[in-house]
N, C-alpha and C. Protein backbone atom coordinates (compact mmCIF):
# COMPACT_ATOMS: atom_id res chain seq x y z
N MET A 1 -81.92 8.70 14.77
CA MET A 1 -81.00 9.42 13.92
C MET A 1 -81.23 10.91 14.11
N SER A 2 -80.16 11.66 14.24
CA SER A 2 -80.24 13.10 14.45
C SER A 2 -79.87 13.84 13.18
N ARG A 3 -80.48 15.00 13.03
CA ARG A 3 -80.14 15.88 11.92
C ARG A 3 -79.61 17.17 12.50
N ILE A 4 -78.68 17.80 11.82
CA ILE A 4 -78.09 19.05 12.29
C ILE A 4 -78.56 20.17 11.37
N GLU A 5 -79.21 21.17 11.96
CA GLU A 5 -79.72 22.29 11.17
C GLU A 5 -78.58 23.07 10.51
N GLY A 6 -78.79 23.47 9.27
CA GLY A 6 -77.81 24.27 8.56
C GLY A 6 -76.80 23.48 7.76
N VAL A 7 -76.67 22.19 8.06
CA VAL A 7 -75.68 21.37 7.36
C VAL A 7 -76.05 21.21 5.89
N ASP A 8 -77.35 21.08 5.60
CA ASP A 8 -77.77 20.91 4.21
C ASP A 8 -77.32 22.08 3.34
N ASN A 9 -77.39 23.31 3.88
CA ASN A 9 -76.94 24.49 3.11
C ASN A 9 -75.44 24.45 2.87
N LEU A 10 -74.68 24.03 3.89
CA LEU A 10 -73.23 23.93 3.72
C LEU A 10 -72.87 22.86 2.68
N ILE A 11 -73.58 21.76 2.71
CA ILE A 11 -73.34 20.67 1.74
C ILE A 11 -73.63 21.15 0.32
N LYS A 12 -74.76 21.85 0.13
CA LYS A 12 -75.11 22.38 -1.19
C LYS A 12 -74.04 23.34 -1.69
N LYS A 13 -73.59 24.22 -0.78
CA LYS A 13 -72.58 25.20 -1.17
C LYS A 13 -71.29 24.51 -1.60
N LEU A 14 -70.87 23.51 -0.84
CA LEU A 14 -69.65 22.78 -1.19
C LEU A 14 -69.81 22.05 -2.52
N ASN A 15 -70.95 21.41 -2.73
CA ASN A 15 -71.19 20.71 -3.99
C ASN A 15 -71.21 21.68 -5.17
N ASN A 16 -71.81 22.85 -4.98
CA ASN A 16 -71.84 23.85 -6.05
C ASN A 16 -70.45 24.35 -6.41
N LEU A 17 -69.54 24.33 -5.44
CA LEU A 17 -68.16 24.75 -5.70
C LEU A 17 -67.31 23.62 -6.29
N GLY A 18 -67.90 22.44 -6.44
CA GLY A 18 -67.18 21.30 -7.02
C GLY A 18 -66.49 20.43 -5.99
N GLY A 19 -66.83 20.60 -4.73
CA GLY A 19 -66.24 19.78 -3.67
C GLY A 19 -66.97 18.47 -3.49
N ASN A 20 -66.36 17.56 -2.78
CA ASN A 20 -66.95 16.26 -2.52
C ASN A 20 -67.50 16.25 -1.09
N SER A 21 -68.75 16.66 -0.94
CA SER A 21 -69.33 16.80 0.39
C SER A 21 -69.46 15.44 1.09
N VAL A 22 -69.72 14.39 0.35
CA VAL A 22 -69.88 13.07 0.97
C VAL A 22 -68.57 12.65 1.65
N ALA A 23 -67.45 12.87 0.98
CA ALA A 23 -66.15 12.51 1.55
C ALA A 23 -65.85 13.33 2.81
N VAL A 24 -66.17 14.61 2.77
CA VAL A 24 -65.92 15.49 3.92
C VAL A 24 -66.78 15.07 5.10
N VAL A 25 -68.06 14.85 4.83
CA VAL A 25 -68.99 14.45 5.90
C VAL A 25 -68.62 13.08 6.44
N GLU A 26 -68.26 12.16 5.57
CA GLU A 26 -67.90 10.81 6.02
C GLU A 26 -66.68 10.85 6.95
N LYS A 27 -65.67 11.61 6.57
CA LYS A 27 -64.47 11.71 7.41
C LYS A 27 -64.80 12.36 8.75
N SER A 28 -65.61 13.41 8.73
CA SER A 28 -65.98 14.11 9.96
C SER A 28 -66.79 13.21 10.88
N ILE A 29 -67.75 12.49 10.32
CA ILE A 29 -68.58 11.58 11.13
C ILE A 29 -67.73 10.44 11.67
N GLN A 30 -66.81 9.95 10.87
CA GLN A 30 -65.91 8.88 11.34
C GLN A 30 -65.09 9.34 12.54
N GLN A 31 -64.56 10.54 12.49
CA GLN A 31 -63.79 11.08 13.61
C GLN A 31 -64.68 11.33 14.83
N SER A 32 -65.89 11.81 14.59
CA SER A 32 -66.83 12.06 15.68
C SER A 32 -67.28 10.75 16.33
N THR A 33 -67.47 9.74 15.52
CA THR A 33 -67.87 8.44 16.04
C THR A 33 -66.77 7.88 16.94
N SER A 34 -65.52 8.18 16.60
CA SER A 34 -64.40 7.74 17.44
C SER A 34 -64.45 8.39 18.83
N LEU A 35 -64.90 9.65 18.89
CA LEU A 35 -65.05 10.33 20.18
C LEU A 35 -66.08 9.61 21.04
N VAL A 36 -67.21 9.28 20.44
CA VAL A 36 -68.28 8.60 21.17
C VAL A 36 -67.82 7.21 21.59
N LEU A 37 -67.12 6.51 20.71
CA LEU A 37 -66.59 5.19 21.03
C LEU A 37 -65.66 5.26 22.23
N ARG A 38 -64.75 6.21 22.22
CA ARG A 38 -63.80 6.37 23.32
C ARG A 38 -64.53 6.57 24.65
N ASP A 39 -65.52 7.47 24.65
CA ASP A 39 -66.24 7.75 25.89
C ASP A 39 -67.14 6.60 26.31
N ALA A 40 -67.73 5.89 25.36
CA ALA A 40 -68.56 4.73 25.72
C ALA A 40 -67.71 3.66 26.39
N LYS A 41 -66.51 3.43 25.87
CA LYS A 41 -65.61 2.45 26.49
C LYS A 41 -65.17 2.91 27.87
N LYS A 42 -64.92 4.21 28.00
CA LYS A 42 -64.51 4.76 29.29
C LYS A 42 -65.65 4.64 30.31
N ASN A 43 -66.91 4.85 29.86
CA ASN A 43 -68.08 4.81 30.74
C ASN A 43 -68.54 3.39 31.08
N ALA A 44 -68.21 2.42 30.25
CA ALA A 44 -68.72 1.05 30.45
C ALA A 44 -68.20 0.48 31.76
N PRO A 45 -69.10 -0.03 32.59
CA PRO A 45 -68.65 -0.62 33.86
C PRO A 45 -67.89 -1.92 33.63
N VAL A 46 -66.96 -2.18 34.52
CA VAL A 46 -66.16 -3.41 34.45
C VAL A 46 -66.24 -4.10 35.80
N ASN A 47 -66.53 -5.39 35.79
CA ASN A 47 -66.56 -6.17 37.03
C ASN A 47 -65.13 -6.64 37.28
N LYS A 48 -64.43 -5.89 38.12
CA LYS A 48 -63.02 -6.18 38.37
C LYS A 48 -62.82 -7.45 39.19
N LYS A 49 -63.83 -7.84 39.96
CA LYS A 49 -63.72 -9.06 40.77
C LYS A 49 -63.58 -10.30 39.89
N SER A 50 -64.28 -10.28 38.77
CA SER A 50 -64.24 -11.46 37.91
C SER A 50 -63.28 -11.29 36.73
N GLY A 51 -62.49 -10.22 36.77
CA GLY A 51 -61.56 -9.99 35.66
C GLY A 51 -62.29 -9.61 34.39
N GLY A 52 -63.44 -8.93 34.52
CA GLY A 52 -64.32 -8.58 33.41
C GLY A 52 -63.69 -7.65 32.40
N GLY A 53 -64.54 -7.00 31.67
CA GLY A 53 -64.11 -6.11 30.60
C GLY A 53 -64.69 -6.52 29.27
N THR A 54 -65.49 -7.58 29.27
CA THR A 54 -66.07 -8.09 28.02
C THR A 54 -66.95 -7.04 27.36
N LEU A 55 -67.80 -6.38 28.16
CA LEU A 55 -68.68 -5.36 27.61
C LEU A 55 -67.87 -4.23 26.99
N ARG A 56 -66.91 -3.72 27.71
CA ARG A 56 -66.07 -2.62 27.23
C ARG A 56 -65.37 -3.01 25.92
N GLN A 57 -64.84 -4.21 25.87
CA GLN A 57 -64.11 -4.66 24.67
C GLN A 57 -65.03 -4.89 23.48
N SER A 58 -66.32 -5.12 23.75
CA SER A 58 -67.25 -5.42 22.66
C SER A 58 -67.79 -4.16 21.97
N ILE A 59 -67.55 -2.99 22.54
CA ILE A 59 -68.08 -1.75 21.96
C ILE A 59 -67.29 -1.42 20.69
N GLN A 60 -68.04 -1.17 19.61
CA GLN A 60 -67.45 -0.93 18.30
C GLN A 60 -68.07 0.32 17.66
N ALA A 61 -67.46 0.79 16.61
CA ALA A 61 -68.00 1.92 15.86
C ALA A 61 -67.87 1.64 14.37
N GLU A 62 -68.79 2.18 13.63
CA GLU A 62 -68.70 2.10 12.16
C GLU A 62 -69.36 3.32 11.55
N THR A 63 -68.89 3.66 10.38
CA THR A 63 -69.44 4.78 9.61
C THR A 63 -69.74 4.24 8.22
N TYR A 64 -70.88 4.63 7.68
CA TYR A 64 -71.22 4.16 6.34
C TYR A 64 -72.08 5.18 5.62
N VAL A 65 -72.04 5.09 4.31
CA VAL A 65 -72.82 5.97 3.46
C VAL A 65 -73.98 5.15 2.92
N SER A 66 -75.19 5.69 3.08
CA SER A 66 -76.38 5.03 2.57
C SER A 66 -77.20 6.04 1.78
N SER A 67 -78.35 5.61 1.30
CA SER A 67 -79.22 6.52 0.55
C SER A 67 -79.76 7.63 1.45
N GLU A 68 -79.71 7.44 2.76
CA GLU A 68 -80.18 8.44 3.71
C GLU A 68 -79.07 9.41 4.11
N GLY A 69 -77.86 9.18 3.65
CA GLY A 69 -76.74 10.04 3.98
C GLY A 69 -75.64 9.28 4.67
N VAL A 70 -74.76 10.01 5.32
CA VAL A 70 -73.65 9.41 6.05
C VAL A 70 -74.12 9.16 7.48
N GLN A 71 -73.86 7.96 7.95
CA GLN A 71 -74.28 7.61 9.31
C GLN A 71 -73.12 6.99 10.07
N GLY A 72 -73.06 7.33 11.33
CA GLY A 72 -72.08 6.74 12.22
C GLY A 72 -72.82 6.05 13.34
N LYS A 73 -72.29 4.95 13.80
CA LYS A 73 -72.97 4.25 14.88
C LYS A 73 -71.96 3.62 15.81
N VAL A 74 -72.27 3.69 17.10
CA VAL A 74 -71.47 3.05 18.14
C VAL A 74 -72.39 2.01 18.75
N PHE A 75 -71.91 0.78 18.87
CA PHE A 75 -72.78 -0.31 19.27
C PHE A 75 -71.98 -1.41 19.95
N THR A 76 -72.71 -2.36 20.49
CA THR A 76 -72.10 -3.56 21.05
C THR A 76 -72.98 -4.75 20.71
N ASN A 77 -72.38 -5.89 20.53
CA ASN A 77 -73.13 -7.12 20.28
C ASN A 77 -73.16 -8.00 21.53
N CYS A 78 -72.74 -7.46 22.65
CA CYS A 78 -72.73 -8.19 23.91
C CYS A 78 -74.17 -8.42 24.35
N GLU A 79 -74.54 -9.66 24.59
CA GLU A 79 -75.95 -9.98 24.84
C GLU A 79 -76.53 -9.32 26.10
N TYR A 80 -75.72 -9.01 27.08
CA TYR A 80 -76.26 -8.40 28.29
C TYR A 80 -76.11 -6.87 28.31
N ALA A 81 -75.61 -6.30 27.25
CA ALA A 81 -75.39 -4.86 27.17
C ALA A 81 -76.65 -4.03 27.46
N PRO A 82 -77.81 -4.38 26.90
CA PRO A 82 -79.01 -3.56 27.19
C PRO A 82 -79.39 -3.56 28.66
N TYR A 83 -79.13 -4.67 29.34
CA TYR A 83 -79.48 -4.75 30.75
C TYR A 83 -78.57 -3.86 31.60
N VAL A 84 -77.34 -3.71 31.17
CA VAL A 84 -76.43 -2.81 31.87
C VAL A 84 -76.84 -1.36 31.60
N GLU A 85 -77.12 -1.04 30.35
CA GLU A 85 -77.49 0.32 29.97
C GLU A 85 -78.80 0.77 30.62
N TYR A 86 -79.80 -0.12 30.65
CA TYR A 86 -81.14 0.26 31.10
C TYR A 86 -81.53 -0.28 32.47
N GLY A 87 -80.76 -1.21 33.02
CA GLY A 87 -81.11 -1.80 34.31
C GLY A 87 -82.09 -2.95 34.14
N THR A 88 -82.40 -3.60 35.26
CA THR A 88 -83.31 -4.74 35.26
C THR A 88 -84.24 -4.65 36.47
N GLY A 89 -85.27 -5.47 36.46
CA GLY A 89 -86.17 -5.56 37.60
C GLY A 89 -86.78 -4.22 37.98
N GLN A 90 -87.14 -4.07 39.24
CA GLN A 90 -87.77 -2.85 39.72
C GLN A 90 -86.86 -1.64 39.57
N ARG A 91 -85.58 -1.83 39.77
CA ARG A 91 -84.65 -0.71 39.64
C ARG A 91 -84.54 -0.23 38.19
N GLY A 92 -84.63 -1.16 37.27
CA GLY A 92 -84.55 -0.78 35.86
C GLY A 92 -85.78 -0.04 35.40
N SER A 93 -86.95 -0.56 35.73
CA SER A 93 -88.18 0.07 35.25
C SER A 93 -88.46 1.39 35.94
N ALA A 94 -87.92 1.59 37.14
CA ALA A 94 -88.17 2.82 37.89
C ALA A 94 -87.10 3.89 37.62
N SER A 95 -86.14 3.56 36.80
CA SER A 95 -85.04 4.49 36.57
C SER A 95 -85.55 5.75 35.89
N PRO A 96 -85.45 6.91 36.54
CA PRO A 96 -85.95 8.15 35.96
C PRO A 96 -84.98 8.80 34.98
N SER A 97 -83.72 8.38 34.99
CA SER A 97 -82.73 9.05 34.16
C SER A 97 -82.74 8.51 32.74
N PRO A 98 -82.33 9.35 31.77
CA PRO A 98 -82.24 8.85 30.40
C PRO A 98 -81.20 7.76 30.33
N PRO A 99 -81.21 6.90 29.41
CA PRO A 99 -82.18 6.84 28.33
C PRO A 99 -83.41 6.04 28.73
N LYS A 100 -84.49 6.28 28.02
CA LYS A 100 -85.70 5.50 28.23
C LYS A 100 -85.47 4.14 27.59
N SER A 101 -85.77 3.10 28.32
CA SER A 101 -85.51 1.76 27.79
C SER A 101 -86.46 1.43 26.65
N PRO A 102 -85.96 0.69 25.67
CA PRO A 102 -86.80 0.31 24.53
C PRO A 102 -87.86 -0.70 24.96
N GLU A 103 -88.90 -0.79 24.15
CA GLU A 103 -90.01 -1.70 24.44
C GLU A 103 -89.55 -3.16 24.50
N SER A 104 -88.44 -3.48 23.85
CA SER A 104 -87.97 -4.86 23.80
C SER A 104 -87.44 -5.37 25.14
N ILE A 105 -87.16 -4.45 26.08
CA ILE A 105 -86.66 -4.87 27.38
C ILE A 105 -87.83 -5.01 28.33
N LYS A 106 -88.05 -6.21 28.80
CA LYS A 106 -89.14 -6.50 29.73
C LYS A 106 -88.57 -6.55 31.14
N TYR A 107 -89.27 -5.93 32.07
CA TYR A 107 -88.83 -5.88 33.46
C TYR A 107 -89.67 -6.80 34.33
N ASN A 108 -89.00 -7.67 35.08
CA ASN A 108 -89.68 -8.47 36.09
C ASN A 108 -89.77 -7.60 37.33
N THR A 109 -90.98 -7.35 37.78
CA THR A 109 -91.15 -6.47 38.93
C THR A 109 -91.20 -7.23 40.24
N ASP A 110 -91.00 -8.54 40.18
CA ASP A 110 -91.06 -9.33 41.42
C ASP A 110 -89.68 -9.47 42.06
N TRP A 111 -88.67 -8.75 41.57
CA TRP A 111 -87.35 -8.77 42.20
C TRP A 111 -86.71 -7.39 42.02
N ALA A 112 -85.77 -7.08 42.89
CA ALA A 112 -85.18 -5.74 42.90
C ALA A 112 -84.42 -5.42 41.63
N GLY A 113 -83.66 -6.36 41.13
CA GLY A 113 -82.93 -6.15 39.90
C GLY A 113 -81.68 -5.30 40.06
N MET A 114 -81.20 -4.81 38.95
CA MET A 114 -79.94 -4.06 38.89
C MET A 114 -80.23 -2.65 38.40
N LYS A 115 -79.61 -1.69 39.04
CA LYS A 115 -79.74 -0.29 38.64
C LYS A 115 -79.09 -0.09 37.26
N ALA A 116 -79.67 0.79 36.46
CA ALA A 116 -79.10 1.12 35.15
C ALA A 116 -77.72 1.75 35.32
N GLN A 117 -76.80 1.37 34.40
CA GLN A 117 -75.45 1.94 34.37
C GLN A 117 -75.17 2.41 32.94
N PRO A 118 -75.86 3.48 32.53
CA PRO A 118 -75.72 3.93 31.14
C PRO A 118 -74.28 4.27 30.78
N TYR A 119 -73.88 3.84 29.60
CA TYR A 119 -72.54 4.11 29.10
C TYR A 119 -72.60 4.61 27.66
N LEU A 120 -73.55 4.13 26.86
CA LEU A 120 -73.68 4.57 25.47
C LEU A 120 -74.37 5.94 25.39
N TYR A 121 -75.51 6.06 26.05
CA TYR A 121 -76.26 7.32 25.99
C TYR A 121 -75.43 8.50 26.46
N PRO A 122 -74.77 8.41 27.62
CA PRO A 122 -73.95 9.55 28.05
C PRO A 122 -72.81 9.87 27.08
N ALA A 123 -72.25 8.84 26.46
CA ALA A 123 -71.15 9.07 25.51
C ALA A 123 -71.62 9.91 24.33
N LEU A 124 -72.81 9.64 23.84
CA LEU A 124 -73.35 10.45 22.74
C LEU A 124 -73.78 11.82 23.25
N SER A 125 -74.50 11.83 24.34
CA SER A 125 -75.02 13.07 24.89
C SER A 125 -73.91 14.08 25.19
N GLU A 126 -72.82 13.62 25.77
CA GLU A 126 -71.71 14.51 26.13
C GLU A 126 -70.96 15.04 24.91
N ASN A 127 -71.09 14.39 23.78
CA ASN A 127 -70.34 14.79 22.58
C ASN A 127 -71.20 15.44 21.50
N LYS A 128 -72.50 15.57 21.74
CA LYS A 128 -73.40 16.09 20.71
C LYS A 128 -72.96 17.45 20.16
N GLU A 129 -72.67 18.39 21.03
CA GLU A 129 -72.28 19.73 20.57
C GLU A 129 -70.94 19.70 19.83
N ALA A 130 -70.00 18.92 20.34
CA ALA A 130 -68.69 18.81 19.68
C ALA A 130 -68.84 18.22 18.28
N ILE A 131 -69.74 17.25 18.14
CA ILE A 131 -69.97 16.63 16.83
C ILE A 131 -70.55 17.66 15.86
N LYS A 132 -71.54 18.42 16.32
CA LYS A 132 -72.14 19.45 15.46
C LYS A 132 -71.10 20.47 15.02
N GLU A 133 -70.31 20.94 15.98
CA GLU A 133 -69.28 21.94 15.67
C GLU A 133 -68.24 21.39 14.71
N LYS A 134 -67.84 20.15 14.92
CA LYS A 134 -66.83 19.53 14.06
C LYS A 134 -67.34 19.40 12.63
N LEU A 135 -68.55 18.89 12.48
CA LEU A 135 -69.11 18.70 11.14
C LEU A 135 -69.24 20.03 10.41
N CYS A 136 -69.81 21.02 11.07
CA CYS A 136 -69.96 22.33 10.42
C CYS A 136 -68.60 22.95 10.13
N GLY A 137 -67.65 22.81 11.06
CA GLY A 137 -66.30 23.34 10.85
C GLY A 137 -65.59 22.67 9.68
N ASP A 138 -65.74 21.36 9.58
CA ASP A 138 -65.10 20.62 8.48
C ASP A 138 -65.69 21.03 7.13
N LEU A 139 -67.01 21.21 7.09
CA LEU A 139 -67.65 21.63 5.84
C LEU A 139 -67.23 23.05 5.46
N ARG A 140 -67.19 23.94 6.45
CA ARG A 140 -66.76 25.32 6.18
C ARG A 140 -65.31 25.36 5.68
N ALA A 141 -64.45 24.54 6.28
CA ALA A 141 -63.05 24.49 5.86
C ALA A 141 -62.95 24.00 4.41
N ALA A 142 -63.75 23.01 4.06
CA ALA A 142 -63.74 22.49 2.68
C ALA A 142 -64.25 23.55 1.70
N ILE A 143 -65.25 24.31 2.13
CA ILE A 143 -65.78 25.38 1.28
C ILE A 143 -64.72 26.45 1.06
N ARG A 144 -64.03 26.85 2.13
CA ARG A 144 -62.95 27.86 2.01
C ARG A 144 -61.85 27.36 1.08
N LYS A 145 -61.53 26.08 1.22
CA LYS A 145 -60.48 25.48 0.39
C LYS A 145 -60.84 25.55 -1.11
N LYS A 146 -62.13 25.46 -1.40
CA LYS A 146 -62.60 25.53 -2.80
C LYS A 146 -62.82 26.97 -3.26
N GLY A 147 -62.53 27.92 -2.37
CA GLY A 147 -62.63 29.32 -2.75
C GLY A 147 -63.98 29.96 -2.44
N GLY A 148 -64.76 29.31 -1.60
CA GLY A 148 -66.10 29.86 -1.27
C GLY A 148 -66.14 30.69 -0.04
């Protein structure tokens, strides 16, 4: 989970002016999550020989409010998704590029395996700055609207 510096001050200012910061942040994160979803689907490899697309179609997004704040997440429930993202075998474990594979993925080093084809990590990475700017811009707009 990432935190954006300065957002807490904007949220306090909006709340002090009588605005609904949770609603503003939720809408902004929902729109930002849609950007990441779009790019993750665009980046996901498709096996055209077999008429694939299952991985791409399984990518979903959701936004929710919890005690920790507003969170957005882009995910897939496709069982082979981690192997595509992180690779397998010797090629997977030797992959120097981000993302670093989680401990839950075990690599068999007795076969070459499949090279990593990241699609989720790049989708988030490429949109990080746009998400920060959008969230701060949306909060500032709400503050101006309340006369701040």
